[in-house]
Amino acid sequence: MPDQEIYSERFRTERGKTFFFDVKENENGKFVKVTESIPLGEEKFKRNFITISEESLGEFITVAQKVLEVIKAR
């Protein structure tokens, strides 16, 4: 079974990067694929991505919130 897209959201930063948050599902279950797209010039982009399984998503968000608190406190 190929990856099936369930939901997608994106935002662009002030510096021009675009982040895509894609919720997908395949034979292993549901997961989130976060893609960072960095423009390199005319229609050229560098893309980096991570995937977070449904089981790990809650802990991932908890840690990300802690990191945000540290950044805001400095």
Protein backbone atom coordinates (compact mmCIF):
# COMPACT_ATOMS: atom_id res chain seq x y z
CA MET A 1 0.00 0.00 0.00
CA PRO A 2 1.57 3.32 -1.02
CA ASP A 3 1.42 6.31 1.33
CA GLN A 4 -2.04 7.86 1.36
CA GLU A 5 -2.33 11.53 2.27
CA ILE A 6 -4.90 12.28 4.98
CA TYR A 7 -4.21 15.97 5.67
CA SER A 8 -1.69 18.65 4.68
CA GLU A 9 -0.81 22.09 6.00
CA ARG A 10 2.05 24.44 5.18
CA PHE A 11 3.51 27.77 6.15
CA ARG A 12 6.25 30.04 4.82
CA THR A 13 8.80 31.73 7.07
CA GLU A 14 9.93 35.32 6.77
CA ARG A 15 13.24 34.05 5.34
CA GLY A 16 11.50 32.17 2.52
CA LYS A 17 11.60 28.58 3.76
CA THR A 18 8.38 26.60 3.48
CA PHE A 19 7.40 23.88 5.94
CA PHE A 20 4.92 21.17 4.98
CA PHE A 21 3.13 19.03 7.58
CA ASP A 22 1.63 16.01 5.86
CA VAL A 23 -0.40 13.40 7.72
CA LYS A 24 -0.15 10.11 5.86
CA GLU A 25 -0.96 6.46 6.28
CA ASN A 26 0.60 3.29 4.91
CA GLU A 27 0.78 -0.39 5.85
CA ASN A 28 2.79 0.55 8.98
CA GLY A 29 0.17 3.02 10.27
CA LYS A 30 -0.31 6.78 10.42
CA PHE A 31 2.56 9.27 10.56
CA VAL A 32 3.46 12.91 10.05
CA LYS A 33 6.02 13.88 7.45
CA VAL A 34 7.54 17.32 8.08
CA THR A 35 9.35 18.74 5.05
CA GLU A 36 11.55 21.83 5.01
CA SER A 37 11.85 23.34 1.53
CA ILE A 38 14.65 25.87 1.04
CA PRO A 39 14.74 27.91 -2.19
CA LEU A 40 18.11 27.76 -3.97
CA GLY A 41 17.31 29.83 -7.03
CA GLU A 42 15.09 29.58 -10.05
CA GLU A 43 12.73 26.70 -9.33
CA LYS A 44 15.42 24.83 -7.39
CA PHE A 45 14.84 23.73 -3.82
CA LYS A 46 16.68 21.77 -1.18
CA ARG A 47 14.33 19.55 0.79
CA ASN A 48 14.89 17.90 4.15
CA PHE A 49 12.30 15.84 5.96
CA ILE A 50 11.58 13.81 9.05
CA THR A 51 8.76 11.41 9.78
CA ILE A 52 7.12 10.97 13.17
CA SER A 53 4.96 7.93 13.83
CA GLU A 54 1.50 8.30 15.34
CA GLU A 55 2.77 6.57 18.50
CA SER A 56 5.63 9.07 18.94
CA LEU A 57 3.80 12.27 17.98
CA GLY A 58 2.60 13.20 21.49
CA GLU A 59 6.08 12.91 23.01
CA PHE A 60 7.58 14.77 20.04
CA ILE A 61 5.18 17.68 20.60
CA THR A 62 5.89 17.68 24.36
CA VAL A 63 9.63 17.95 23.77
CA ALA A 64 9.13 20.62 21.06
CA GLN A 65 7.05 22.68 23.53
CA LYS A 66 9.82 22.40 26.15
CA VAL A 67 12.37 23.54 23.58
CA LEU A 68 10.15 26.53 22.70
CA GLU A 69 9.94 27.47 26.41
CA VAL A 70 13.75 27.40 26.67
CA ILE A 71 14.12 29.56 23.56
CA LYS A 72 11.56 32.10 24.82
CA ALA A 73 13.23 32.25 28.24
CA ARG A 74 16.62 33.24 26.85
